[in-house]
Amino acid sequence: MRVTHLGHACLLLEMADQRVLIDPGNFADGLGTVSDLDAILVTHQHPDHLDPERIVDLVRANPDARVLCDPMSVAVLSQLGVEGQAHTGTTTFGELTVTPVGAMHALIHDEIPRITNVGVLLSAPGEPRFFHPGDALDGDPGPVEVLAFPLNAPWQRSREMTDFLRRHNAPHAIPIHDGLLQRRGRDLYLGQADRLGGAHSVVHDLAGGAPMTFDGTNHEPPSC
């Protein structure tokens, strides 16, 4: 598995000979150069996860890519002329399996209506299991080797972030959802994730776009 962080919540995964883009939002970088996609996965409709101005171009540049999303994003995509398919169970792309996890976005405020949010579990023979939660921490994907975790969000407290890391205790953890942080704040949250997160987790900061390869045959820290 090869993972590239394209900014905020957007990740490009290459595994089992498939190329999958997750949450192409308006804080992501370099979407215009992403090509040869097999799937585009959208956890929910907020623009930092689904950029309405760029999703059309992204789909046009990747005409063979299937778009899987949460139930409420189907209508949002349809209004943009993009055909999105709501998760109704596991979906396969060759030997890659995408499994939906969770149902609702985390509560931001009592006066802000909640929307659907579907995290995604990606798995394939001989590959580490990977989980992207979107904007919720209550989904249960089961044991995973590579965990994407929100570093900061209006709906998340710091202790909830570290509890999420401890609960899953994945060998490898990748910080995402960091687009609202300046350097000092980001370093503070990264330090908390490293010191207070999963006892057996290694935090890999992929900000800047340098990809990292994860080996499914062991749980040792991977090489870049």
Protein backbone atom coordinates (compact mmCIF):
# COMPACT_ATOMS: atom_id res chain seq x y z
CA MET A 1 0.00 0.00 0.00
CA ARG A 2 1.26 3.41 -0.99
CA VAL A 3 -0.33 6.46 0.64
CA THR A 4 -0.02 10.10 -0.40
CA HIS A 5 -1.51 12.93 1.68
CA LEU A 6 -2.81 15.58 -0.71
CA GLY A 7 -3.85 17.97 2.03
CA HIS A 8 -6.41 18.07 4.86
CA ALA A 9 -8.62 14.95 4.60
CA CYS A 10 -7.62 13.93 1.05
CA LEU A 11 -5.54 10.80 0.57
CA LEU A 12 -4.47 8.90 -2.54
CA LEU A 13 -4.16 5.15 -1.94
CA GLU A 14 -2.48 2.74 -4.32
CA MET A 15 -3.10 -0.85 -3.32
CA ALA A 16 -3.92 -4.15 -5.03
CA ASP A 17 -3.21 -2.49 -8.40
CA GLN A 18 -5.97 0.07 -7.76
CA ARG A 19 -5.77 3.85 -7.39
CA VAL A 20 -8.29 5.31 -4.96
CA LEU A 21 -8.79 8.95 -4.01
CA ILE A 22 -10.55 9.72 -0.72
CA ASP A 23 -12.26 13.03 0.14
CA PRO A 24 -11.15 15.48 -2.57
CA GLY A 25 -12.09 18.64 -0.69
CA ASN A 26 -11.31 22.32 -1.14
CA PHE A 27 -8.26 22.21 1.17
CA ALA A 28 -6.58 19.52 -0.95
CA ASP A 29 -3.62 20.27 -3.21
CA GLY A 30 -2.67 18.91 -6.61
CA LEU A 31 -6.02 17.40 -7.57
CA GLY A 32 -5.55 18.64 -11.10
CA THR A 33 -2.69 16.19 -11.63
CA VAL A 34 -4.42 13.11 -10.20
CA SER A 35 -5.09 10.59 -12.97
CA ASP A 36 -5.80 6.92 -13.69
CA LEU A 37 -8.17 6.61 -10.75
CA ASP A 38 -10.28 3.49 -10.25
CA ALA A 39 -12.41 4.96 -7.48
CA ILE A 40 -13.24 8.24 -5.77
CA LEU A 41 -14.58 7.85 -2.23
CA VAL A 42 -16.46 10.66 -0.48
CA THR A 43 -17.23 10.30 3.23
CA HIS A 44 -19.63 13.27 3.36
CA GLN A 45 -20.73 16.45 1.61
CA HIS A 46 -18.87 19.19 3.51
CA PRO A 47 -16.72 21.14 1.03
CA ASP A 48 -13.47 20.31 2.82
CA HIS A 49 -14.21 16.69 1.84
CA LEU A 50 -16.19 17.20 -1.37
CA ASP A 51 -15.18 20.25 -3.39
CA PRO A 52 -18.09 21.05 -5.71
CA GLU A 53 -15.87 23.22 -7.91
CA ARG A 54 -13.27 20.53 -8.55
CA ILE A 55 -15.12 17.22 -8.38
CA VAL A 56 -16.52 17.73 -11.89
CA ASP A 57 -13.06 18.23 -13.38
CA LEU A 58 -11.71 15.32 -11.37
CA VAL A 59 -14.39 12.97 -12.68
CA ARG A 60 -13.93 14.27 -16.23
CA ALA A 61 -10.19 13.57 -16.00
CA ASN A 62 -10.87 10.09 -14.62
CA PRO A 63 -13.87 8.83 -16.63
CA ASP A 64 -13.44 5.20 -15.56
CA ALA A 65 -13.46 5.99 -11.84
CA ARG A 66 -16.53 4.99 -9.83
CA VAL A 67 -17.71 7.48 -7.23
CA LEU A 68 -18.86 5.98 -3.92
CA CYS A 69 -20.28 8.23 -1.24
CA ASP A 70 -22.53 8.59 1.79
CA PRO A 71 -26.31 8.62 1.11
CA MET A 72 -26.82 12.39 1.33
CA SER A 73 -23.95 13.18 -1.05
CA VAL A 74 -25.71 11.37 -3.91
CA ALA A 75 -28.05 14.33 -4.42
CA VAL A 76 -25.21 16.85 -4.06
CA LEU A 77 -23.22 15.08 -6.75
CA SER A 78 -26.27 14.70 -8.99
CA GLN A 79 -26.80 18.47 -8.97
CA LEU A 80 -23.24 18.80 -10.25
CA GLY A 81 -23.85 16.28 -13.02
CA VAL A 82 -21.77 13.60 -11.29
CA GLU A 83 -23.12 10.10 -10.77
CA GLY A 84 -22.42 9.00 -7.20
CA GLN A 85 -23.34 5.63 -5.77
CA ALA A 86 -24.27 5.36 -2.10
CA HIS A 87 -22.58 2.62 -0.11
CA THR A 88 -24.99 -0.29 0.27
CA GLY A 89 -22.40 -2.80 1.40
CA THR A 90 -18.96 -3.92 0.32
CA THR A 91 -17.75 -2.92 -3.13
CA THR A 92 -14.86 -4.55 -4.96
CA PHE A 93 -12.34 -3.10 -7.36
CA GLY A 94 -10.34 -6.06 -8.57
CA GLU A 95 -8.97 -7.60 -5.37
CA LEU A 96 -9.56 -4.42 -3.38
CA THR A 97 -12.61 -4.36 -1.11
CA VAL A 98 -14.18 -1.12 0.14
CA THR A 99 -16.41 -1.52 3.19
CA PRO A 100 -18.57 1.33 4.54
CA VAL A 101 -18.23 2.08 8.27
CA GLY A 102 -20.50 4.36 10.30
CA ALA A 103 -23.53 6.45 9.42
CA MET A 104 -23.54 10.00 10.80
CA HIS A 105 -21.24 13.01 11.02
CA ALA A 106 -20.03 13.89 14.52
CA LEU A 107 -22.08 16.53 16.32
CA ILE A 108 -20.74 20.03 15.69
CA HIS A 109 -23.45 21.98 17.53
CA ASP A 110 -27.05 21.31 18.54
CA GLU A 111 -28.20 24.03 16.13
CA ILE A 112 -26.33 22.58 13.14
CA PRO A 113 -28.22 19.68 11.49
CA ARG A 114 -26.23 16.46 11.30
CA ILE A 115 -25.54 14.87 7.94
CA THR A 116 -24.55 11.38 6.89
CA ASN A 117 -20.90 10.38 7.11
CA VAL A 118 -19.61 7.02 5.97
CA GLY A 119 -16.03 6.05 6.76
CA VAL A 120 -14.24 3.58 4.50
CA LEU A 121 -12.28 0.43 5.25
CA LEU A 122 -9.99 -0.73 2.44
CA SER A 123 -8.61 -4.24 2.40
CA ALA A 124 -6.98 -6.66 -0.04
CA PRO A 125 -5.04 -9.94 0.16
CA GLY A 126 -1.46 -9.34 1.25
CA GLU A 127 -2.11 -5.66 2.01
CA PRO A 128 -2.53 -3.86 5.35
CA ARG A 129 -6.10 -2.91 6.26
CA PHE A 130 -6.72 0.84 6.06
CA PHE A 131 -9.44 3.00 7.64
CA HIS A 132 -10.45 6.60 6.89
CA PRO A 133 -13.21 7.73 9.30
CA GLY A 134 -14.28 10.95 7.60
CA ASP A 135 -15.73 13.27 10.24
CA ALA A 136 -16.74 10.80 12.94
CA LEU A 137 -14.94 8.80 15.57
CA ASP A 138 -17.61 6.23 16.46
CA GLY A 139 -17.23 3.83 13.52
CA ASP A 140 -15.84 0.36 14.21
CA PRO A 141 -13.87 -1.08 11.28
CA GLY A 142 -12.31 -3.84 13.38
CA PRO A 143 -8.54 -4.28 13.57
CA VAL A 144 -6.60 -2.15 11.10
CA GLU A 145 -2.92 -1.72 10.37
CA VAL A 146 -3.06 1.82 8.94
CA LEU A 147 -5.38 4.39 10.51
CA ALA A 148 -6.10 7.89 9.23
CA PHE A 149 -7.06 10.09 12.17
CA PRO A 150 -8.43 13.65 12.31
CA LEU A 151 -5.84 15.89 13.92
CA ASN A 152 -8.11 18.86 14.56
CA ALA A 153 -11.74 19.76 13.85
CA PRO A 154 -14.57 22.00 15.10
CA TRP A 155 -16.40 18.83 16.17
CA GLN A 156 -13.46 17.18 17.96
CA ARG A 157 -11.67 17.73 21.26
CA SER A 158 -8.03 16.81 21.66
CA ARG A 159 -8.76 14.03 24.14
CA GLU A 160 -11.25 12.52 21.69
CA MET A 161 -8.49 12.37 19.09
CA THR A 162 -6.10 10.56 21.43
CA ASP A 163 -8.88 8.24 22.68
CA PHE A 164 -9.59 7.33 19.05
CA LEU A 165 -5.92 6.46 18.55
CA ARG A 166 -5.83 4.43 21.75
CA ARG A 167 -9.01 2.54 20.94
CA HIS A 168 -7.76 1.38 17.55
CA ASN A 169 -4.06 1.20 18.51
CA ALA A 170 -3.12 0.64 14.89
CA PRO A 171 0.56 0.00 14.12
CA HIS A 172 0.57 2.98 11.76
CA ALA A 173 -1.38 6.23 12.14
CA ILE A 174 -1.60 9.03 9.56
CA PRO A 175 -2.80 12.50 10.65
CA ILE A 176 -5.41 14.09 8.42
CA HIS A 177 -7.98 16.89 8.75
CA ASP A 178 -5.29 19.45 9.58
CA GLY A 179 -6.20 22.26 7.18
CA LEU A 180 -7.25 24.71 9.91
CA LEU A 181 -3.97 24.53 11.81
CA GLN A 182 -0.95 26.81 11.58
CA ARG A 183 2.50 25.38 12.28
CA ARG A 184 2.67 25.78 16.06
CA GLY A 185 -0.81 24.41 16.62
CA ARG A 186 -0.15 21.51 14.29
CA ASP A 187 3.03 20.60 16.15
CA LEU A 188 1.12 20.70 19.44
CA TYR A 189 -1.56 18.28 18.21
CA LEU A 190 1.04 16.00 16.62
CA GLY A 191 2.90 15.87 19.92
CA GLN A 192 -0.27 14.88 21.76
CA ALA A 193 -1.04 12.19 19.20
CA ASP A 194 2.46 10.78 19.57
CA ARG A 195 2.64 10.89 23.38
CA LEU A 196 -0.97 10.17 24.30
CA GLY A 197 -2.22 8.05 21.39
CA GLY A 198 -2.02 4.31 20.82
CA ALA A 199 0.67 2.58 22.85
CA HIS A 200 1.84 0.58 19.85
CA SER A 201 1.13 3.17 17.14
CA VAL A 202 3.72 5.02 15.09
CA VAL A 203 2.50 8.41 13.82
CA HIS A 204 3.60 9.14 10.25
CA ASP A 205 3.17 12.77 9.25
CA LEU A 206 2.76 12.75 5.46
CA ALA A 207 2.02 16.47 5.10
CA GLY A 208 3.78 17.88 2.08
CA GLY A 209 2.79 15.11 -0.30
CA ALA A 210 5.70 12.68 0.04
CA PRO A 211 4.19 9.19 -0.34
CA MET A 212 4.84 6.34 2.05
CA THR A 213 4.66 2.61 1.43
CA PHE A 214 3.20 0.28 4.04
CA ASP A 215 3.99 -3.43 3.99
CA GLY A 216 1.17 -5.81 4.88
CA THR A 217 3.51 -8.60 5.93
CA ASN A 218 4.61 -7.03 9.20
CA HIS A 219 3.84 -4.26 11.64
CA GLU A 220 7.21 -2.59 11.63
CA PRO A 221 7.43 1.09 10.65
CA PRO A 222 7.60 1.23 6.83
CA SER A 223 10.22 2.86 4.69
CA CYS A 224 9.47 5.95 2.62
